Amino acid sequence: MHIARISSQKQITIPAKIYRKLKLDIGDHIGITEEDGQIVLRPYMLVPKDQLWYWTEERQKKEREADEDIAAGRVSGPFSTAKEFMEDLKSTNT
Protein backbone atom coordinates (compact mmCIF):
# COMPACT_ATOMS: atom_id res chain seq x y z
CA MET A 1 0.00 0.00 0.00
CA HIS A 2 1.11 3.53 -0.74
CA ILE A 3 0.11 6.56 1.30
CA ALA A 4 -0.39 10.04 -0.18
CA ARG A 5 -1.00 13.31 1.63
CA ILE A 6 -3.77 15.69 0.56
CA SER A 7 -2.31 19.13 -0.16
CA SER A 8 -3.90 22.46 0.76
CA GLN A 9 -5.34 22.50 -2.78
CA LYS A 10 -6.96 19.07 -2.24
CA GLN A 11 -4.42 17.37 -4.50
CA ILE A 12 -2.59 14.08 -4.08
CA THR A 13 0.51 12.71 -5.81
CA ILE A 14 0.30 9.30 -7.47
CA PRO A 15 3.29 7.21 -6.35
CA ALA A 16 5.86 6.75 -9.15
CA LYS A 17 5.65 2.94 -9.07
CA ILE A 18 1.87 3.01 -9.70
CA TYR A 19 2.23 5.84 -12.23
CA ARG A 20 4.67 3.74 -14.28
CA LYS A 21 2.77 0.45 -13.86
CA LEU A 22 -0.44 2.02 -15.18
CA LYS A 23 1.49 3.80 -17.97
CA LEU A 24 0.03 7.16 -16.98
CA ASP A 25 1.28 10.38 -18.54
CA ILE A 26 1.09 14.09 -17.84
CA GLY A 27 -2.36 15.33 -18.90
CA ASP A 28 -4.08 11.94 -18.57
CA HIS A 29 -7.47 11.89 -16.88
CA ILE A 30 -8.40 9.98 -13.73
CA GLY A 31 -11.96 8.96 -12.88
CA ILE A 32 -12.71 9.40 -9.18
CA THR A 33 -15.57 7.63 -7.43
CA GLU A 34 -16.58 6.76 -3.90
CA GLU A 35 -17.35 3.09 -3.30
CA ASP A 36 -18.33 1.81 0.13
CA GLY A 37 -16.59 4.70 1.88
CA GLN A 38 -13.39 4.41 -0.18
CA ILE A 39 -11.98 6.76 -2.80
CA VAL A 40 -11.37 4.83 -6.03
CA LEU A 41 -9.15 6.27 -8.78
CA ARG A 42 -9.23 4.79 -12.28
CA PRO A 43 -7.38 5.83 -15.44
CA TYR A 44 -9.96 7.41 -17.72
CA MET A 45 -9.86 8.02 -21.45
CA LEU A 46 -11.91 10.87 -22.87
CA VAL A 47 -13.50 10.13 -26.21
CA PRO A 48 -13.70 12.83 -28.90
CA LYS A 49 -17.31 13.65 -29.82
CA ASP A 50 -16.85 12.37 -33.36
CA GLN A 51 -15.88 8.96 -31.91
CA LEU A 52 -18.81 8.55 -29.50
CA TRP A 53 -20.83 6.45 -31.99
CA TYR A 54 -18.32 3.63 -31.54
CA TRP A 55 -19.04 3.37 -27.83
CA THR A 56 -22.83 3.10 -28.10
CA GLU A 57 -24.31 -0.15 -26.74
CA GLU A 58 -25.63 -1.04 -30.21
CA ARG A 59 -22.16 -0.68 -31.78
CA GLN A 60 -20.47 -2.57 -28.96
CA LYS A 61 -23.01 -5.40 -29.36
CA LYS A 62 -22.10 -5.65 -33.05
CA GLU A 63 -18.39 -5.64 -32.18
CA ARG A 64 -18.95 -8.56 -29.76
CA GLU A 65 -20.89 -10.45 -32.47
CA ALA A 66 -18.07 -9.87 -34.95
CA ASP A 67 -15.50 -11.11 -32.42
CA GLU A 68 -17.59 -14.26 -31.88
CA ASP A 69 -17.84 -14.84 -35.66
CA ILE A 70 -14.08 -14.44 -36.06
CA ALA A 71 -13.38 -16.81 -33.13
CA ALA A 72 -15.79 -19.39 -34.62
CA GLY A 73 -14.16 -19.15 -38.06
CA ARG A 74 -17.20 -17.62 -39.74
CA VAL A 75 -15.09 -15.38 -41.97
CA SER A 76 -14.02 -15.23 -45.61
CA GLY A 77 -10.76 -14.26 -47.23
CA PRO A 78 -8.22 -12.98 -47.40
CA PHE A 79 -8.72 -12.07 -51.02
CA SER A 80 -5.99 -11.29 -53.54
CA THR A 81 -8.22 -9.16 -55.73
CA ALA A 82 -11.42 -7.18 -55.53
CA LYS A 83 -12.87 -9.60 -58.10
CA GLU A 84 -12.28 -12.56 -55.72
CA PHE A 85 -13.97 -10.60 -52.96
CA MET A 86 -16.99 -9.75 -55.12
CA GLU A 87 -17.36 -13.38 -56.27
CA ASP A 88 -17.31 -14.56 -52.66
CA LEU A 89 -19.79 -11.87 -51.67
CA LYS A 90 -22.18 -12.86 -54.46
CA SER A 91 -21.92 -16.58 -53.59
CA THR A 92 -22.80 -16.00 -49.93
CA ASN A 93 -25.81 -13.82 -50.75
CA THR A 94 -27.55 -16.35 -52.97
PDB file of N, CA and C in Angstrom:
ATOM      1  N   MET A   1       0.856  -1.185   0.000  1.00  0.00           N
ATOM      2  CA  MET A   1       0.000   0.000   0.000  1.00  0.00           C
ATOM      3  C   MET A   1       0.892   1.234   0.000  1.00  0.00           C
ATOM      4  N   HIS A   2       0.426   2.247  -0.702  1.00  0.00           N
ATOM      5  CA  HIS A   2       1.108   3.530  -0.738  1.00  0.00           C
ATOM      6  C   HIS A   2       0.228   4.544  -0.025  1.00  0.00           C
ATOM      7  N   ILE A   3       0.852   5.522   0.594  1.00  0.00           N
ATOM      8  CA  ILE A   3       0.108   6.565   1.298  1.00  0.00           C
ATOM      9  C   ILE A   3       0.450   7.909   0.661  1.00  0.00           C
ATOM     10  N   ALA A   4      -0.571   8.700   0.388  1.00  0.00           N
ATOM     11  CA  ALA A   4      -0.394  10.036  -0.181  1.00  0.00           C
ATOM     12  C   ALA A   4      -1.038  11.045   0.760  1.00  0.00           C
ATOM     13  N   ARG A   5      -0.468  12.241   0.798  1.00  0.00           N
ATOM     14  CA  ARG A   5      -1.003  13.313   1.628  1.00  0.00           C
ATOM     15  C   ARG A   5      -1.827  14.256   0.756  1.00  0.00           C
ATOM     16  N   ILE A   6      -2.943  14.719   1.272  1.00  0.00           N
ATOM     17  CA  ILE A   6      -3.772  15.686   0.562  1.00  0.00           C
ATOM     18  C   ILE A   6      -3.182  17.071   0.797  1.00  0.00           C
ATOM     19  N   SER A   7      -2.900  17.798  -0.282  1.00  0.00           N
ATOM     20  CA  SER A   7      -2.313  19.132  -0.164  1.00  0.00           C
ATOM     21  C   SER A   7      -3.389  20.154   0.194  1.00  0.00           C
ATOM     22  N   SER A   8      -2.950  21.376   0.434  1.00  0.00           N
ATOM     23  CA  SER A   8      -3.897  22.457   0.760  1.00  0.00           C
ATOM     24  C   SER A   8      -4.850  22.736  -0.401  1.00  0.00           C
ATOM     25  N   GLN A   9      -4.473  22.320  -1.614  1.00  0.00           N
ATOM     26  CA  GLN A   9      -5.336  22.504  -2.777  1.00  0.00           C
ATOM     27  C   GLN A   9      -6.126  21.224  -3.099  1.00  0.00           C
ATOM     28  N   LYS A  10      -6.216  20.329  -2.114  1.00  0.00           N
ATOM     29  CA  LYS A  10      -6.964  19.068  -2.236  1.00  0.00           C
ATOM     30  C   LYS A  10      -6.389  18.155  -3.321  1.00  0.00           C
ATOM     31  N   GLN A  11      -5.075  18.198  -3.511  1.00  0.00           N
ATOM     32  CA  GLN A  11      -4.416  17.373  -4.504  1.00  0.00           C
ATOM     33  C   GLN A  11      -3.624  16.264  -3.819  1.00  0.00           C
ATOM     34  N   ILE A  12      -3.461  15.145  -4.553  1.00  0.00           N
ATOM     35  CA  ILE A  12      -2.589  14.076  -4.080  1.00  0.00           C
ATOM     36  C   ILE A  12      -1.585  13.770  -5.186  1.00  0.00           C
ATOM     37  N   THR A  13      -0.496  13.123  -4.843  1.00  0.00           N
ATOM     38  CA  THR A  13       0.505  12.709  -5.812  1.00  0.00           C
ATOM     39  C   THR A  13       0.416  11.198  -5.961  1.00  0.00           C
ATOM     40  N   ILE A  14       0.338  10.732  -7.201  1.00  0.00           N
ATOM     41  CA  ILE A  14       0.302   9.297  -7.466  1.00  0.00           C
ATOM     42  C   ILE A  14       1.731   8.769  -7.329  1.00  0.00           C
ATOM     43  N   PRO A  15       1.939   7.751  -6.507  1.00  0.00           N
ATOM     44  CA  PRO A  15       3.291   7.207  -6.349  1.00  0.00           C
ATOM     45  C   PRO A  15       3.884   6.774  -7.687  1.00  0.00           C
ATOM     46  N   ALA A  16       5.174   7.010  -7.877  1.00  0.00           N
ATOM     47  CA  ALA A  16       5.857   6.751  -9.153  1.00  0.00           C
ATOM     48  C   ALA A  16       5.686   5.308  -9.612  1.00  0.00           C
ATOM     49  N   LYS A  17       5.761   4.362  -8.698  1.00  0.00           N
ATOM     50  CA  LYS A  17       5.649   2.944  -9.075  1.00  0.00           C
ATOM     51  C   LYS A  17       4.284   2.657  -9.716  1.00  0.00           C
ATOM     52  N   ILE A  18       3.220   3.195  -9.154  1.00  0.00           N
ATOM     53  CA  ILE A  18       1.869   3.006  -9.696  1.00  0.00           C
ATOM     54  C   ILE A  18       1.729   3.785 -11.005  1.00  0.00           C
ATOM     55  N   TYR A  19       2.261   4.994 -11.041  1.00  0.00           N
ATOM     56  CA  TYR A  19       2.228   5.837 -12.235  1.00  0.00           C
ATOM     57  C   TYR A  19       2.837   5.097 -13.422  1.00  0.00           C
ATOM     58  N   ARG A  20       3.998   4.483 -13.195  1.00  0.00           N
ATOM     59  CA  ARG A  20       4.666   3.742 -14.280  1.00  0.00           C
ATOM     60  C   ARG A  20       3.916   2.462 -14.625  1.00  0.00           C
ATOM     61  N   LYS A  21       3.464   1.727 -13.616  1.00  0.00           N
ATOM     62  CA  LYS A  21       2.773   0.453 -13.858  1.00  0.00           C
ATOM     63  C   LYS A  21       1.516   0.656 -14.699  1.00  0.00           C
ATOM     64  N   LEU A  22       0.784   1.737 -14.449  1.00  0.00           N
ATOM     65  CA  LEU A  22      -0.443   2.019 -15.184  1.00  0.00           C
ATOM     66  C   LEU A  22      -0.191   2.794 -16.474  1.00  0.00           C
ATOM     67  N   LYS A  23       1.090   3.077 -16.749  1.00  0.00           N
ATOM     68  CA  LYS A  23       1.487   3.805 -17.966  1.00  0.00           C
ATOM     69  C   LYS A  23       0.749   5.138 -18.088  1.00  0.00           C
ATOM     70  N   LEU A  24       0.666   5.851 -16.973  1.00  0.00           N
ATOM     71  CA  LEU A  24       0.034   7.160 -16.981  1.00  0.00           C
ATOM     72  C   LEU A  24       0.991   8.183 -17.566  1.00  0.00           C
ATOM     73  N   ASP A  25       0.454   9.316 -17.980  1.00  0.00           N
ATOM     74  CA  ASP A  25       1.279  10.379 -18.537  1.00  0.00           C
ATOM     75  C   ASP A  25       0.697  11.718 -18.120  1.00  0.00           C
ATOM     76  N   ILE A  26       1.523  12.739 -18.155  1.00  0.00           N
ATOM     77  CA  ILE A  26       1.091  14.092 -17.836  1.00  0.00           C
ATOM     78  C   ILE A  26      -0.107  14.435 -18.725  1.00  0.00           C
ATOM     79  N   GLY A  27      -1.175  14.943 -18.139  1.00  0.00           N
ATOM     80  CA  GLY A  27      -2.360  15.326 -18.899  1.00  0.00           C
ATOM     81  C   GLY A  27      -3.414  14.236 -18.985  1.00  0.00           C
ATOM     82  N   ASP A  28      -3.072  13.002 -18.580  1.00  0.00           N
ATOM     83  CA  ASP A  28      -4.076  11.936 -18.573  1.00  0.00           C
ATOM     84  C   ASP A  28      -5.187  12.287 -17.582  1.00  0.00           C
ATOM     85  N   HIS A  29      -6.331  11.663 -17.761  1.00  0.00           N
ATOM     86  CA  HIS A  29      -7.468  11.885 -16.879  1.00  0.00           C
ATOM     87  C   HIS A  29      -7.646  10.702 -15.938  1.00  0.00           C
ATOM     88  N   ILE A  30      -8.141  10.990 -14.753  1.00  0.00           N
ATOM     89  CA  ILE A  30      -8.399   9.976 -13.735  1.00  0.00           C
ATOM     90  C   ILE A  30      -9.858  10.098 -13.319  1.00  0.00           C
ATOM     91  N   GLY A  31     -10.589   8.988 -13.387  1.00  0.00           N
ATOM     92  CA  GLY A  31     -11.958   8.962 -12.883  1.00  0.00           C
ATOM     93  C   GLY A  31     -11.909   8.744 -11.372  1.00  0.00           C
ATOM     94  N   ILE A  32     -12.707   9.490 -10.640  1.00  0.00           N
ATOM     95  CA  ILE A  32     -12.712   9.404  -9.177  1.00  0.00           C
ATOM     96  C   ILE A  32     -14.128   9.095  -8.719  1.00  0.00           C
ATOM     97  N   THR A  33     -14.271   7.992  -7.977  1.00  0.00           N
ATOM     98  CA  THR A  33     -15.572   7.634  -7.425  1.00  0.00           C
ATOM     99  C   THR A  33     -15.414   7.269  -5.961  1.00  0.00           C
ATOM    100  N   GLU A  34     -16.540   7.231  -5.285  1.00  0.00           N
ATOM    101  CA  GLU A  34     -16.583   6.759  -3.900  1.00  0.00           C
ATOM    102  C   GLU A  34     -17.332   5.445  -3.922  1.00  0.00           C
ATOM    103  N   GLU A  35     -16.720   4.403  -3.372  1.00  0.00           N
ATOM    104  CA  GLU A  35     -17.351   3.092  -3.304  1.00  0.00           C
ATOM    105  C   GLU A  35     -17.202   2.540  -1.900  1.00  0.00           C
ATOM    106  N   ASP A  36     -18.331   2.363  -1.235  1.00  0.00           N
ATOM    107  CA  ASP A  36     -18.333   1.812   0.130  1.00  0.00           C
ATOM    108  C   ASP A  36     -17.379   2.554   1.058  1.00  0.00           C
ATOM    109  N   GLY A  37     -17.411   3.883   0.982  1.00  0.00           N
ATOM    110  CA  GLY A  37     -16.594   4.697   1.879  1.00  0.00           C
ATOM    111  C   GLY A  37     -15.132   4.810   1.478  1.00  0.00           C
ATOM    112  N   GLN A  38     -14.778   4.328   0.285  1.00  0.00           N
ATOM    113  CA  GLN A  38     -13.394   4.415  -0.185  1.00  0.00           C
ATOM    114  C   GLN A  38     -13.327   5.264  -1.444  1.00  0.00           C
ATOM    115  N   ILE A  39     -12.231   5.984  -1.588  1.00  0.00           N
ATOM    116  CA  ILE A  39     -11.983   6.761  -2.801  1.00  0.00           C
ATOM    117  C   ILE A  39     -11.329   5.822  -3.804  1.00  0.00           C
ATOM    118  N   VAL A  40     -11.909   5.710  -5.001  1.00  0.00           N
ATOM    119  CA  VAL A  40     -11.366   4.834  -6.033  1.00  0.00           C
ATOM    120  C   VAL A  40     -10.942   5.698  -7.222  1.00  0.00           C
ATOM    121  N   LEU A  41      -9.694   5.555  -7.630  1.00  0.00           N
ATOM    122  CA  LEU A  41      -9.149   6.274  -8.781  1.00  0.00           C
ATOM    123  C   LEU A  41      -8.947   5.280  -9.916  1.00  0.00           C
ATOM    124  N   ARG A  42      -9.409   5.654 -11.113  1.00  0.00           N
ATOM    125  CA  ARG A  42      -9.230   4.786 -12.284  1.00  0.00           C
ATOM    126  C   ARG A  42      -8.753   5.629 -13.458  1.00  0.00           C
ATOM    127  N   PRO A  43      -7.756   5.111 -14.212  1.00  0.00           N
ATOM    128  CA  PRO A  43      -7.377   5.831 -15.439  1.00  0.00           C
ATOM    129  C   PRO A  43      -8.614   5.966 -16.325  1.00  0.00           C
ATOM    130  N   TYR A  44      -8.750   7.105 -16.960  1.00  0.00           N
ATOM    131  CA  TYR A  44      -9.959   7.412 -17.718  1.00  0.00           C
ATOM    132  C   TYR A  44      -9.567   8.016 -19.050  1.00  0.00           C
ATOM    133  N   MET A  45     -10.128   7.488 -20.125  1.00  0.00           N
ATOM    134  CA  MET A  45      -9.856   8.023 -21.455  1.00  0.00           C
ATOM    135  C   MET A  45     -11.069   8.827 -21.918  1.00  0.00           C
ATOM    136  N   LEU A  46     -10.840  10.055 -22.303  1.00  0.00           N
ATOM    137  CA  LEU A  46     -11.911  10.868 -22.867  1.00  0.00           C
ATOM    138  C   LEU A  46     -12.032  10.533 -24.347  1.00  0.00           C
ATOM    139  N   VAL A  47     -13.250  10.487 -24.823  1.00  0.00           N
ATOM    140  CA  VAL A  47     -13.503  10.131 -26.211  1.00  0.00           C
ATOM    141  C   VAL A  47     -13.928  11.390 -26.971  1.00  0.00           C
ATOM    142  N   PRO A  48     -13.263  11.679 -28.102  1.00  0.00           N
ATOM    143  CA  PRO A  48     -13.699  12.831 -28.902  1.00  0.00           C
ATOM    144  C   PRO A  48     -15.148  12.642 -29.349  1.00  0.00           C
ATOM    145  N   LYS A  49     -15.894  13.732 -29.455  1.00  0.00           N
ATOM    146  CA  LYS A  49     -17.311  13.653 -29.818  1.00  0.00           C
ATOM    147  C   LYS A  49     -17.548  12.888 -31.111  1.00  0.00           C
ATOM    148  N   ASP A  50     -16.630  13.052 -32.089  1.00  0.00           N
ATOM    149  CA  ASP A  50     -16.845  12.366 -33.364  1.00  0.00           C
ATOM    150  C   ASP A  50     -16.562  10.869 -33.274  1.00  0.00           C
ATOM    151  N   GLN A  51     -16.128  10.387 -32.109  1.00  0.00           N
ATOM    152  CA  GLN A  51     -15.879   8.964 -31.907  1.00  0.00           C
ATOM    153  C   GLN A  51     -16.915   8.311 -30.990  1.00  0.00           C
ATOM    154  N   LEU A  52     -17.844   9.088 -30.461  1.00  0.00           N
ATOM    155  CA  LEU A  52     -18.815   8.553 -29.504  1.00  0.00           C
ATOM    156  C   LEU A  52     -19.678   7.442 -30.075  1.00  0.00           C
ATOM    157  N   TRP A  53     -19.985   7.476 -31.363  1.00  0.00           N
ATOM    158  CA  TRP A  53     -20.829   6.447 -31.990  1.00  0.00           C
ATOM    159  C   TRP A  53     -20.271   5.052 -31.740  1.00  0.00           C
ATOM    160  N   TYR A  54     -18.942   4.936 -31.706  1.00  0.00           N
ATOM    161  CA  TYR A  54     -18.317   3.630 -31.541  1.00  0.00           C
ATOM    162  C   TYR A  54     -18.638   3.024 -30.179  1.00  0.00           C
ATOM    163  N   TRP A  55     -18.859   3.843 -29.194  1.00  0.00           N
ATOM    164  CA  TRP A  55     -19.043   3.369 -27.827  1.00  0.00           C
ATOM    165  C   TRP A  55     -20.507   3.217 -27.438  1.00  0.00           C
ATOM    166  N   THR A  56     -21.426   3.338 -28.399  1.00  0.00           N
ATOM    167  CA  THR A  56     -22.831   3.096 -28.096  1.00  0.00           C
ATOM    168  C   THR A  56     -23.033   1.605 -27.835  1.00  0.00           C
ATOM    169  N   GLU A  57     -24.045   1.269 -27.051  1.00  0.00           N
ATOM    170  CA  GLU A  57     -24.313  -0.146 -26.741  1.00  0.00           C
ATOM    171  C   GLU A  57     -24.582  -0.935 -28.017  1.00  0.00           C
ATOM    172  N   GLU A  58     -25.329  -0.345 -28.960  1.00  0.00           N
ATOM    173  CA  GLU A  58     -25.627  -1.035 -30.213  1.00  0.00           C
ATOM    174  C   GLU A  58     -24.341  -1.387 -30.964  1.00  0.00           C
ATOM    175  N   ARG A  59     -23.420  -0.433 -31.070  1.00  0.00           N
ATOM    176  CA  ARG A  59     -22.160  -0.680 -31.784  1.00  0.00           C
ATOM    177  C   ARG A  59     -21.312  -1.715 -31.044  1.00  0.00           C
ATOM    178  N   GLN A  60     -21.260  -1.617 -29.737  1.00  0.00           N
ATOM    179  CA  GLN A  60     -20.470  -2.573 -28.961  1.00  0.00           C
ATOM    180  C   GLN A  60     -21.041  -3.992 -29.074  1.00  0.00           C
ATOM    181  N   LYS A  61     -22.373  -4.100 -29.168  1.00  0.00           N
ATOM    182  CA  LYS A  61     -23.006  -5.404 -29.363  1.00  0.00           C
ATOM    183  C   LYS A  61     -22.553  -6.001 -30.700  1.00  0.00           C
ATOM    184  N   LYS A  62     -22.538  -5.177 -31.731  1.00  0.00           N
ATOM    185  CA  LYS A  62     -22.105  -5.650 -33.049  1.00  0.00           C
ATOM    186  C   LYS A  62     -20.622  -6.030 -33.042  1.00  0.00           C
ATOM    187  N   GLU A  63     -19.812  -5.299 -32.296  1.00  0.00           N
ATOM    188  CA  GLU A  63     -18.394  -5.641 -32.175  1.00  0.00           C
ATOM    189  C   GLU A  63     -18.226  -7.004 -31.497  1.00  0.00           C
ATOM    190  N   ARG A  64     -19.014  -7.258 -30.443  1.00  0.00           N
ATOM    191  CA  ARG A  64     -18.950  -8.559 -29.763  1.00  0.00           C
ATOM    192  C   ARG A  64     -19.382  -9.683 -30.707  1.00  0.00           C
ATOM    193  N   GLU A  65     -20.435  -9.446 -31.493  1.00  0.00           N
ATOM    194  CA  GLU A  65     -20.889 -10.449 -32.470  1.00  0.00           C
ATOM    195  C   GLU A  65     -19.797 -10.729 -33.499  1.00  0.00           C
ATOM    196  N   ALA A  66     -19.145  -9.689 -33.971  1.00  0.00           N
ATOM    197  CA  ALA A  66     -18.066  -9.867 -34.952  1.00  0.00           C
ATOM    198  C   ALA A  66     -16.917 -10.661 -34.337  1.00  0.00           C
ATOM    199  N   ASP A  67     -16.568 -10.357 -33.098  1.00  0.00           N
ATOM    200  CA  ASP A  67     -15.504 -11.110 -32.421  1.00  0.00           C
ATOM    201  C   ASP A  67     -15.867 -12.585 -32.300  1.00  0.00           C
ATOM    202  N   GLU A  68     -17.132 -12.865 -31.987  1.00  0.00           N
ATOM    203  CA  GLU A  68     -17.591 -14.257 -31.884  1.00  0.00           C
ATOM    204  C   GLU A  68     -17.502 -14.950 -33.244  1.00  0.00           C
ATOM    205  N   ASP A  69     -17.920 -14.261 -34.316  1.00  0.00           N
ATOM    206  CA  ASP A  69     -17.840 -14.836 -35.661  1.00  0.00           C
ATOM    207  C   ASP A  69     -16.391 -15.139 -36.038  1.00  0.00           C
ATOM    208  N   ILE A  70     -15.499 -14.239 -35.746  1.00  0.00           N
ATOM    209  CA  ILE A  70     -14.079 -14.444 -36.057  1.00  0.00           C
ATOM    210  C   ILE A  70     -13.554 -15.642 -35.279  1.00  0.00           C
ATOM    211  N   ALA A  71     -13.851 -15.700 -33.969  1.00  0.00           N
ATOM    212  CA  ALA A  71     -13.384 -16.810 -33.129  1.00  0.00           C
ATOM    213  C   ALA A  71     -13.925 -18.147 -33.605  1.00  0.00           C
ATOM    214  N   ALA A  72     -15.163 -18.152 -34.151  1.00  0.00           N
ATOM    215  CA  ALA A  72     -15.785 -19.390 -34.622  1.00  0.00           C
ATOM    216  C   ALA A  72     -15.391 -19.729 -36.064  1.00  0.00           C
ATOM    217  N   GLY A  73     -14.601 -18.882 -36.687  1.00  0.00           N
ATOM    218  CA  GLY A  73     -14.160 -19.151 -38.057  1.00  0.00           C
ATOM    219  C   GLY A  73     -15.173 -18.797 -39.118  1.00  0.00           C
ATOM    220  N   ARG A  74     -16.173 -18.015 -38.764  1.00  0.00           N
ATOM    221  CA  ARG A  74     -17.196 -17.616 -39.739  1.00  0.00           C
ATOM    222  C   ARG A  74     -16.738 -16.352 -40.476  1.00  0.00           C
ATOM    223  N   VAL A  75     -15.655 -16.505 -41.222  1.00  0.00           N
ATOM    224  CA  VAL A  75     -15.086 -15.380 -41.969  1.00  0.00           C
ATOM    225  C   VAL A  75     -14.685 -15.855 -43.353  1.00  0.00           C
ATOM    226  N   SER A  76     -14.483 -14.931 -44.258  1.00  0.00           N
ATOM    227  CA  SER A  76     -14.019 -15.233 -45.606  1.00  0.00           C
ATOM    228  C   SER A  76     -12.713 -14.501 -45.840  1.00  0.00           C
ATOM    229  N   GLY A  77     -11.991 -14.948 -46.850  1.00  0.00           N
ATOM    230  CA  GLY A  77     -10.762 -14.256 -47.225  1.00  0.00           C
ATOM    231  C   GLY A  77      -9.559 -14.842 -46.511  1.00  0.00           C
ATOM    232  N   PRO A  78      -8.432 -14.236 -46.686  1.00  0.00           N
ATOM    233  CA  PRO A  78      -8.217 -12.978 -47.399  1.00  0.00           C
ATOM    234  C   PRO A  78      -8.329 -13.163 -48.912  1.00  0.00           C
ATOM    235  N   PHE A  79      -8.539 -12.062 -49.576  1.00  0.00           N
ATOM    236  CA  PHE A  79      -8.716 -12.072 -51.024  1.00  0.00           C
ATOM    237  C   PHE A  79      -7.544 -11.363 -51.670  1.00  0.00           C
ATOM    238  N   SER A  80      -7.103 -11.894 -52.810  1.00  0.00           N
ATOM    239  CA  SER A  80      -5.989 -11.285 -53.542  1.00  0.00           C
ATOM    240  C   SER A  80      -6.448 -10.131 -54.408  1.00  0.00           C
ATOM    241  N   THR A  81      -7.709 -10.201 -54.834  1.00  0.00           N
ATOM    242  CA  THR A  81      -8.219  -9.158 -55.725  1.00  0.00           C
ATOM    243  C   THR A  81      -9.634  -8.767 -55.306  1.00  0.00           C
ATOM    244  N   ALA A  82     -10.055  -7.621 -55.771  1.00  0.00           N
ATOM    245  CA  ALA A  82     -11.425  -7.181 -55.527  1.00  0.00           C
ATOM    246  C   ALA A  82     -12.402  -8.123 -56.225  1.00  0.00           C
ATOM    247  N   LYS A  83     -12.006  -8.670 -57.370  1.00  0.00           N
ATOM    248  CA  LYS A  83     -12.868  -9.604 -58.097  1.00  0.00           C
ATOM    249  C   LYS A  83     -13.137 -10.850 -57.251  1.00  0.00           C
ATOM    250  N   GLU A  84     -12.099 -11.401 -56.611  1.00  0.00           N
ATOM    251  CA  GLU A  84     -12.282 -12.560 -55.722  1.00  0.00           C
ATOM    252  C   GLU A  84     -13.260 -12.220 -54.599  1.00  0.00           C
ATOM    253  N   PHE A  85     -13.087 -11.036 -54.050  1.00  0.00           N
ATOM    254  CA  PHE A  85     -13.971 -10.599 -52.961  1.00  0.00           C
ATOM    255  C   PHE A  85     -15.419 -10.523 -53.437  1.00  0.00           C
ATOM    256  N   MET A  86     -15.640  -9.912 -54.599  1.00  0.00           N
ATOM    257  CA  MET A  86     -16.994  -9.755 -55.121  1.00  0.00           C
ATOM    258  C   MET A  86     -17.621 -11.116 -55.447  1.00  0.00           C
ATOM    259  N   GLU A  87     -16.835 -12.038 -55.986  1.00  0.00           N
ATOM    260  CA  GLU A  87     -17.357 -13.378 -56.273  1.00  0.00           C
ATOM    261  C   GLU A  87     -17.769 -14.070 -54.986  1.00  0.00           C
ATOM    262  N   ASP A  88     -16.969 -13.952 -53.951  1.00  0.00           N
ATOM    263  CA  ASP A  88     -17.310 -14.565 -52.658  1.00  0.00           C
ATOM    264  C   ASP A  88     -18.559 -13.908 -52.070  1.00  0.00           C
ATOM    265  N   LEU A  89     -18.630 -12.598 -52.192  1.00  0.00           N
ATOM    266  CA  LEU A  89     -19.792 -11.868 -51.671  1.00  0.00           C
ATOM    267  C   LEU A  89     -21.066 -12.301 -52.373  1.00  0.00           C
ATOM    268  N   LYS A  90     -21.025 -12.436 -53.678  1.00  0.00           N
ATOM    269  CA  LYS A  90     -22.185 -12.864 -54.460  1.00  0.00           C
ATOM    270  C   LYS A  90     -22.585 -14.296 -54.103  1.00  0.00           C
ATOM    271  N   SER A  91     -21.602 -15.169 -53.887  1.00  0.00           N
ATOM    272  CA  SER A  91     -21.916 -16.578 -53.591  1.00  0.00           C
ATOM    273  C   SER A  91     -22.521 -16.752 -52.210  1.00  0.00           C
ATOM    274  N   THR A  92     -22.230 -15.867 -51.269  1.00  0.00           N
ATOM    275  CA  THR A  92     -22.796 -15.995 -49.927  1.00  0.00           C
ATOM    276  C   THR A  92     -24.150 -15.334 -49.824  1.00  0.00           C
ATOM    277  N   ASN A  93     -24.517 -14.512 -50.779  1.00  0.00           N
ATOM    278  CA  ASN A  93     -25.809 -13.823 -50.749  1.00  0.00           C
ATOM    279  C   ASN A  93     -26.886 -14.527 -51.576  1.00  0.00           C
ATOM    280  N   THR A  94     -26.553 -15.665 -52.148  1.00  0.00           N
ATOM    281  CA  THR A  94     -27.545 -16.346 -52.975  1.00  0.00           C
ATOM    282  C   THR A  94     -28.231 -17.463 -52.213  1.00  0.00           C
TER     283      THR A  94
END
